Amino acid sequence: MDRQIATELMQEVLKLSAQLNVIIHKVQEISPEAERKEFDKHMGPTMAACDEHLFRPILRHYPDLEPHW
């Protein structure tokens, strides 16, 4: 993967992570509890997949692209 693509992809992955955080907060507003739990059980694996299959592979190639928050 060339650096330009990695940089652009990292920007998009960071936007995706921010959107997923918004979704997680919105899910907490769902009632009844059974419906909320159904959504909750999928959010962790979704976040983990983004980290494992998008964020970490980019950083393996270009560690300097890690955001400094």
PDB file of N, CA and C in Angstrom:
ATOM      1  N   MET A   1       0.872  -1.170   0.000  1.00  0.00           N
ATOM      2  CA  MET A   1       0.000   0.000   0.000  1.00  0.00           C
ATOM      3  C   MET A   1       0.908   1.219   0.000  1.00  0.00           C
ATOM      4  N   ASP A   2       0.629   2.143  -0.910  1.00  0.00           N
ATOM      5  CA  ASP A   2       1.473   3.335  -0.924  1.00  0.00           C
ATOM      6  C   ASP A   2       1.027   4.325   0.150  1.00  0.00           C
ATOM      7  N   ARG A   3       1.913   5.234   0.490  1.00  0.00           N
ATOM      8  CA  ARG A   3       1.705   6.155   1.603  1.00  0.00           C
ATOM      9  C   ARG A   3       0.474   7.032   1.407  1.00  0.00           C
ATOM     10  N   GLN A   4       0.260   7.523   0.219  1.00  0.00           N
ATOM     11  CA  GLN A   4      -0.883   8.409  -0.022  1.00  0.00           C
ATOM     12  C   GLN A   4      -2.194   7.677   0.260  1.00  0.00           C
ATOM     13  N   ILE A   5      -2.325   6.469  -0.229  1.00  0.00           N
ATOM     14  CA  ILE A   5      -3.536   5.672   0.019  1.00  0.00           C
ATOM     15  C   ILE A   5      -3.665   5.387   1.508  1.00  0.00           C
ATOM     16  N   ALA A   6      -2.558   5.022   2.148  1.00  0.00           N
ATOM     17  CA  ALA A   6      -2.599   4.735   3.587  1.00  0.00           C
ATOM     18  C   ALA A   6      -3.048   5.965   4.376  1.00  0.00           C
ATOM     19  N   THR A   7      -2.554   7.125   4.001  1.00  0.00           N
ATOM     20  CA  THR A   7      -2.930   8.367   4.688  1.00  0.00           C
ATOM     21  C   THR A   7      -4.415   8.649   4.512  1.00  0.00           C
ATOM     22  N   GLU A   8      -4.902   8.529   3.295  1.00  0.00           N
ATOM     23  CA  GLU A   8      -6.323   8.772   3.027  1.00  0.00           C
ATOM     24  C   GLU A   8      -7.196   7.739   3.729  1.00  0.00           C
ATOM     25  N   LEU A   9      -6.757   6.496   3.686  1.00  0.00           N
ATOM     26  CA  LEU A   9      -7.509   5.430   4.337  1.00  0.00           C
ATOM     27  C   LEU A   9      -7.561   5.645   5.854  1.00  0.00           C
ATOM     28  N   MET A  10      -6.447   6.048   6.444  1.00  0.00           N
ATOM     29  CA  MET A  10      -6.430   6.312   7.882  1.00  0.00           C
ATOM     30  C   MET A  10      -7.406   7.432   8.236  1.00  0.00           C
ATOM     31  N   GLN A  11      -7.453   8.466   7.430  1.00  0.00           N
ATOM     32  CA  GLN A  11      -8.414   9.552   7.675  1.00  0.00           C
ATOM     33  C   GLN A  11      -9.842   9.019   7.680  1.00  0.00           C
ATOM     34  N   GLU A  12     -10.150   8.147   6.748  1.00  0.00           N
ATOM     35  CA  GLU A  12     -11.497   7.584   6.667  1.00  0.00           C
ATOM     36  C   GLU A  12     -11.783   6.635   7.837  1.00  0.00           C
ATOM     37  N   VAL A  13     -10.787   5.854   8.223  1.00  0.00           N
ATOM     38  CA  VAL A  13     -10.952   4.944   9.358  1.00  0.00           C
ATOM     39  C   VAL A  13     -11.222   5.744  10.632  1.00  0.00           C
ATOM     40  N   LEU A  14     -10.534   6.855  10.804  1.00  0.00           N
ATOM     41  CA  LEU A  14     -10.763   7.695  11.981  1.00  0.00           C
ATOM     42  C   LEU A  14     -12.170   8.296  11.964  1.00  0.00           C
ATOM     43  N   LYS A  15     -12.642   8.680  10.794  1.00  0.00           N
ATOM     44  CA  LYS A  15     -14.025   9.174  10.678  1.00  0.00           C
ATOM     45  C   LYS A  15     -15.009   8.060  11.017  1.00  0.00           C
ATOM     46  N   LEU A  16     -14.730   6.864  10.516  1.00  0.00           N
ATOM     47  CA  LEU A  16     -15.592   5.712  10.792  1.00  0.00           C
ATOM     48  C   LEU A  16     -15.638   5.422  12.292  1.00  0.00           C
ATOM     49  N   SER A  17     -14.497   5.462  12.939  1.00  0.00           N
ATOM     50  CA  SER A  17     -14.453   5.225  14.386  1.00  0.00           C
ATOM     51  C   SER A  17     -15.273   6.263  15.133  1.00  0.00           C
ATOM     52  N   ALA A  18     -15.177   7.512  14.707  1.00  0.00           N
ATOM     53  CA  ALA A  18     -15.961   8.567  15.348  1.00  0.00           C
ATOM     54  C   ALA A  18     -17.452   8.310  15.157  1.00  0.00           C
ATOM     55  N   GLN A  19     -17.851   7.890  13.967  1.00  0.00           N
ATOM     56  CA  GLN A  19     -19.263   7.586  13.705  1.00  0.00           C
ATOM     57  C   GLN A  19     -19.741   6.403  14.535  1.00  0.00           C
ATOM     58  N   LEU A  20     -18.908   5.398  14.663  1.00  0.00           N
ATOM     59  CA  LEU A  20     -19.274   4.238  15.472  1.00  0.00           C
ATOM     60  C   LEU A  20     -19.451   4.640  16.939  1.00  0.00           C
ATOM     61  N   ASN A  21     -18.633   5.569  17.404  1.00  0.00           N
ATOM     62  CA  ASN A  21     -18.812   6.062  18.776  1.00  0.00           C
ATOM     63  C   ASN A  21     -20.152   6.773  18.940  1.00  0.00           C
ATOM     64  N   VAL A  22     -20.548   7.540  17.941  1.00  0.00           N
ATOM     65  CA  VAL A  22     -21.863   8.197  17.973  1.00  0.00           C
ATOM     66  C   VAL A  22     -22.957   7.137  18.029  1.00  0.00           C
ATOM     67  N   ILE A  23     -22.821   6.114  17.223  1.00  0.00           N
ATOM     68  CA  ILE A  23     -23.812   5.035  17.195  1.00  0.00           C
ATOM     69  C   ILE A  23     -23.892   4.346  18.553  1.00  0.00           C
ATOM     70  N   ILE A  24     -22.746   4.068  19.145  1.00  0.00           N
ATOM     71  CA  ILE A  24     -22.732   3.422  20.463  1.00  0.00           C
ATOM     72  C   ILE A  24     -23.510   4.256  21.473  1.00  0.00           C
ATOM     73  N   HIS A  25     -23.307   5.564  21.451  1.00  0.00           N
ATOM     74  CA  HIS A  25     -24.036   6.428  22.395  1.00  0.00           C
ATOM     75  C   HIS A  25     -25.535   6.445  22.099  1.00  0.00           C
ATOM     76  N   LYS A  26     -25.901   6.439  20.842  1.00  0.00           N
ATOM     77  CA  LYS A  26     -27.323   6.412  20.475  1.00  0.00           C
ATOM     78  C   LYS A  26     -27.964   5.085  20.875  1.00  0.00           C
ATOM     79  N   VAL A  27     -27.232   4.004  20.716  1.00  0.00           N
ATOM     80  CA  VAL A  27     -27.751   2.682  21.082  1.00  0.00           C
ATOM     81  C   VAL A  27     -28.126   2.665  22.564  1.00  0.00           C
ATOM     82  N   GLN A  28     -27.364   3.380  23.381  1.00  0.00           N
ATOM     83  CA  GLN A  28     -27.651   3.402  24.819  1.00  0.00           C
ATOM     84  C   GLN A  28     -29.014   4.026  25.132  1.00  0.00           C
ATOM     85  N   GLU A  29     -29.579   4.745  24.187  1.00  0.00           N
ATOM     86  CA  GLU A  29     -30.886   5.382  24.372  1.00  0.00           C
ATOM     87  C   GLU A  29     -32.049   4.472  23.984  1.00  0.00           C
ATOM     88  N   ILE A  30     -31.759   3.323  23.425  1.00  0.00           N
ATOM     89  CA  ILE A  30     -32.810   2.417  22.945  1.00  0.00           C
ATOM     90  C   ILE A  30     -33.512   1.746  24.124  1.00  0.00           C
ATOM     91  N   SER A  31     -34.807   1.742  24.036  1.00  0.00           N
ATOM     92  CA  SER A  31     -35.580   0.914  24.958  1.00  0.00           C
ATOM     93  C   SER A  31     -36.635   0.221  24.110  1.00  0.00           C
ATOM     94  N   PRO A  32     -37.056  -0.914  24.479  1.00  0.00           N
ATOM     95  CA  PRO A  32     -36.775  -1.648  25.710  1.00  0.00           C
ATOM     96  C   PRO A  32     -35.347  -2.198  25.735  1.00  0.00           C
ATOM     97  N   GLU A  33     -34.962  -2.611  26.926  1.00  0.00           N
ATOM     98  CA  GLU A  33     -33.606  -3.093  27.163  1.00  0.00           C
ATOM     99  C   GLU A  33     -33.228  -4.250  26.242  1.00  0.00           C
ATOM    100  N   ALA A  34     -34.155  -5.136  25.961  1.00  0.00           N
ATOM    101  CA  ALA A  34     -33.864  -6.292  25.100  1.00  0.00           C
ATOM    102  C   ALA A  34     -33.399  -5.843  23.710  1.00  0.00           C
ATOM    103  N   GLU A  35     -34.035  -4.806  23.178  1.00  0.00           N
ATOM    104  CA  GLU A  35     -33.624  -4.283  21.867  1.00  0.00           C
ATOM    105  C   GLU A  35     -32.233  -3.676  21.956  1.00  0.00           C
ATOM    106  N   ARG A  36     -31.975  -2.905  23.013  1.00  0.00           N
ATOM    107  CA  ARG A  36     -30.670  -2.276  23.199  1.00  0.00           C
ATOM    108  C   ARG A  36     -29.580  -3.344  23.285  1.00  0.00           C
ATOM    109  N   LYS A  37     -29.833  -4.395  24.040  1.00  0.00           N
ATOM    110  CA  LYS A  37     -28.836  -5.455  24.192  1.00  0.00           C
ATOM    111  C   LYS A  37     -28.533  -6.133  22.862  1.00  0.00           C
ATOM    112  N   GLU A  38     -29.543  -6.246  22.017  1.00  0.00           N
ATOM    113  CA  GLU A  38     -29.338  -6.854  20.697  1.00  0.00           C
ATOM    114  C   GLU A  38     -28.355  -6.013  19.879  1.00  0.00           C
ATOM    115  N   PHE A  39     -28.502  -4.698  19.925  1.00  0.00           N
ATOM    116  CA  PHE A  39     -27.558  -3.818  19.235  1.00  0.00           C
ATOM    117  C   PHE A  39     -26.192  -3.851  19.914  1.00  0.00           C
ATOM    118  N   ASP A  40     -26.190  -3.790  21.249  1.00  0.00           N
ATOM    119  CA  ASP A  40     -24.943  -3.765  22.020  1.00  0.00           C
ATOM    120  C   ASP A  40     -24.024  -4.930  21.681  1.00  0.00           C
ATOM    121  N   LYS A  41     -24.602  -6.101  21.528  1.00  0.00           N
ATOM    122  CA  LYS A  41     -23.756  -7.281  21.329  1.00  0.00           C
ATOM    123  C   LYS A  41     -23.008  -7.254  19.997  1.00  0.00           C
ATOM    124  N   HIS A  42     -23.434  -6.381  19.090  1.00  0.00           N
ATOM    125  CA  HIS A  42     -22.762  -6.290  17.793  1.00  0.00           C
ATOM    126  C   HIS A  42     -21.768  -5.135  17.720  1.00  0.00           C
ATOM    127  N   MET A  43     -21.886  -4.172  18.603  1.00  0.00           N
ATOM    128  CA  MET A  43     -21.027  -2.995  18.516  1.00  0.00           C
ATOM    129  C   MET A  43     -19.569  -3.315  18.875  1.00  0.00           C
ATOM    130  N   GLY A  44     -19.354  -4.098  19.921  1.00  0.00           N
ATOM    131  CA  GLY A  44     -17.978  -4.453  20.297  1.00  0.00           C
ATOM    132  C   GLY A  44     -17.236  -5.160  19.176  1.00  0.00           C
ATOM    133  N   PRO A  45     -17.828  -6.212  18.603  1.00  0.00           N
ATOM    134  CA  PRO A  45     -17.145  -6.891  17.494  1.00  0.00           C
ATOM    135  C   PRO A  45     -16.937  -5.991  16.270  1.00  0.00           C
ATOM    136  N   THR A  46     -17.871  -5.087  16.036  1.00  0.00           N
ATOM    137  CA  THR A  46     -17.713  -4.168  14.907  1.00  0.00           C
ATOM    138  C   THR A  46     -16.512  -3.253  15.123  1.00  0.00           C
ATOM    139  N   MET A  47     -16.414  -2.690  16.327  1.00  0.00           N
ATOM    140  CA  MET A  47     -15.272  -1.823  16.655  1.00  0.00           C
ATOM    141  C   MET A  47     -13.965  -2.620  16.596  1.00  0.00           C
ATOM    142  N   ALA A  48     -13.978  -3.828  17.131  1.00  0.00           N
ATOM    143  CA  ALA A  48     -12.770  -4.655  17.128  1.00  0.00           C
ATOM    144  C   ALA A  48     -12.339  -4.998  15.700  1.00  0.00           C
ATOM    145  N   ALA A  49     -13.293  -5.286  14.830  1.00  0.00           N
ATOM    146  CA  ALA A  49     -12.970  -5.609  13.441  1.00  0.00           C
ATOM    147  C   ALA A  49     -12.343  -4.413  12.734  1.00  0.00           C
ATOM    148  N   CYS A  50     -12.875  -3.237  12.968  1.00  0.00           N
ATOM    149  CA  CYS A  50     -12.298  -2.030  12.365  1.00  0.00           C
ATOM    150  C   CYS A  50     -10.863  -1.831  12.835  1.00  0.00           C
ATOM    151  N   ASP A  51     -10.636  -2.055  14.117  1.00  0.00           N
ATOM    152  CA  ASP A  51      -9.291  -1.908  14.669  1.00  0.00           C
ATOM    153  C   ASP A  51      -8.340  -2.951  14.081  1.00  0.00           C
ATOM    154  N   GLU A  52      -8.776  -4.200  14.111  1.00  0.00           N
ATOM    155  CA  GLU A  52      -7.911  -5.303  13.683  1.00  0.00           C
ATOM    156  C   GLU A  52      -7.649  -5.332  12.179  1.00  0.00           C
ATOM    157  N   HIS A  53      -8.683  -5.026  11.394  1.00  0.00           N
ATOM    158  CA  HIS A  53      -8.568  -5.218   9.945  1.00  0.00           C
ATOM    159  C   HIS A  53      -8.352  -3.941   9.149  1.00  0.00           C
ATOM    160  N   LEU A  54      -8.463  -2.784   9.794  1.00  0.00           N
ATOM    161  CA  LEU A  54      -8.229  -1.514   9.098  1.00  0.00           C
ATOM    162  C   LEU A  54      -7.120  -0.713   9.778  1.00  0.00           C
ATOM    163  N   PHE A  55      -7.356  -0.308  11.014  1.00  0.00           N
ATOM    164  CA  PHE A  55      -6.448   0.580  11.735  1.00  0.00           C
ATOM    165  C   PHE A  55      -5.058  -0.045  11.910  1.00  0.00           C
ATOM    166  N   ARG A  56      -4.992  -1.218  12.510  1.00  0.00           N
ATOM    167  CA  ARG A  56      -3.688  -1.863  12.807  1.00  0.00           C
ATOM    168  C   ARG A  56      -2.882  -2.198  11.550  1.00  0.00           C
ATOM    169  N   PRO A  57      -3.494  -2.733  10.486  1.00  0.00           N
ATOM    170  CA  PRO A  57      -2.693  -3.005   9.283  1.00  0.00           C
ATOM    171  C   PRO A  57      -2.056  -1.751   8.674  1.00  0.00           C
ATOM    172  N   ILE A  58      -2.784  -0.637   8.709  1.00  0.00           N
ATOM    173  CA  ILE A  58      -2.209   0.613   8.194  1.00  0.00           C
ATOM    174  C   ILE A  58      -0.998   0.991   9.044  1.00  0.00           C
ATOM    175  N   LEU A  59      -1.153   0.905  10.367  1.00  0.00           N
ATOM    176  CA  LEU A  59      -0.060   1.290  11.258  1.00  0.00           C
ATOM    177  C   LEU A  59       1.144   0.365  11.151  1.00  0.00           C
ATOM    178  N   ARG A  60       0.929  -0.886  10.797  1.00  0.00           N
ATOM    179  CA  ARG A  60       2.077  -1.784  10.601  1.00  0.00           C
ATOM    180  C   ARG A  60       2.964  -1.287   9.460  1.00  0.00           C
ATOM    181  N   HIS A  61       2.339  -0.744   8.428  1.00  0.00           N
ATOM    182  CA  HIS A  61       3.098  -0.215   7.291  1.00  0.00           C
ATOM    183  C   HIS A  61       3.633   1.184   7.565  1.00  0.00           C
ATOM    184  N   TYR A  62       2.834   2.000   8.252  1.00  0.00           N
ATOM    185  CA  TYR A  62       3.180   3.404   8.470  1.00  0.00           C
ATOM    186  C   TYR A  62       2.879   3.801   9.923  1.00  0.00           C
ATOM    187  N   PRO A  63       3.751   3.424  10.850  1.00  0.00           N
ATOM    188  CA  PRO A  63       3.498   3.711  12.268  1.00  0.00           C
ATOM    189  C   PRO A  63       3.354   5.200  12.569  1.00  0.00           C
ATOM    190  N   ASP A  64       3.951   6.023  11.747  1.00  0.00           N
ATOM    191  CA  ASP A  64       3.862   7.470  11.980  1.00  0.00           C
ATOM    192  C   ASP A  64       2.474   8.032  11.709  1.00  0.00           C
ATOM    193  N   LEU A  65       1.581   7.235  11.109  1.00  0.00           N
ATOM    194  CA  LEU A  65       0.208   7.707  10.863  1.00  0.00           C
ATOM    195  C   LEU A  65      -0.698   7.545  12.074  1.00  0.00           C
ATOM    196  N   GLU A  66      -0.160   6.971  13.146  1.00  0.00           N
ATOM    197  CA  GLU A  66      -0.979   6.826  14.349  1.00  0.00           C
ATOM    198  C   GLU A  66      -1.367   8.219  14.851  1.00  0.00           C
ATOM    199  N   PRO A  67      -2.663   8.413  15.085  1.00  0.00           N
ATOM    200  CA  PRO A  67      -3.109   9.725  15.564  1.00  0.00           C
ATOM    201  C   PRO A  67      -2.586   9.989  16.981  1.00  0.00           C
ATOM    202  N   HIS A  68      -2.245  11.205  17.243  1.00  0.00           N
ATOM    203  CA  HIS A  68      -1.786  11.605  18.568  1.00  0.00           C
ATOM    204  C   HIS A  68      -2.864  12.466  19.187  1.00  0.00           C
ATOM    205  N   TRP A  69      -3.685  11.846  20.033  1.00  0.00           N
ATOM    206  CA  TRP A  69      -4.881  12.491  20.563  1.00  0.00           C
ATOM    207  C   TRP A  69      -4.581  13.182  21.804  1.00  0.00           C
TER     208      TRP A  69
END
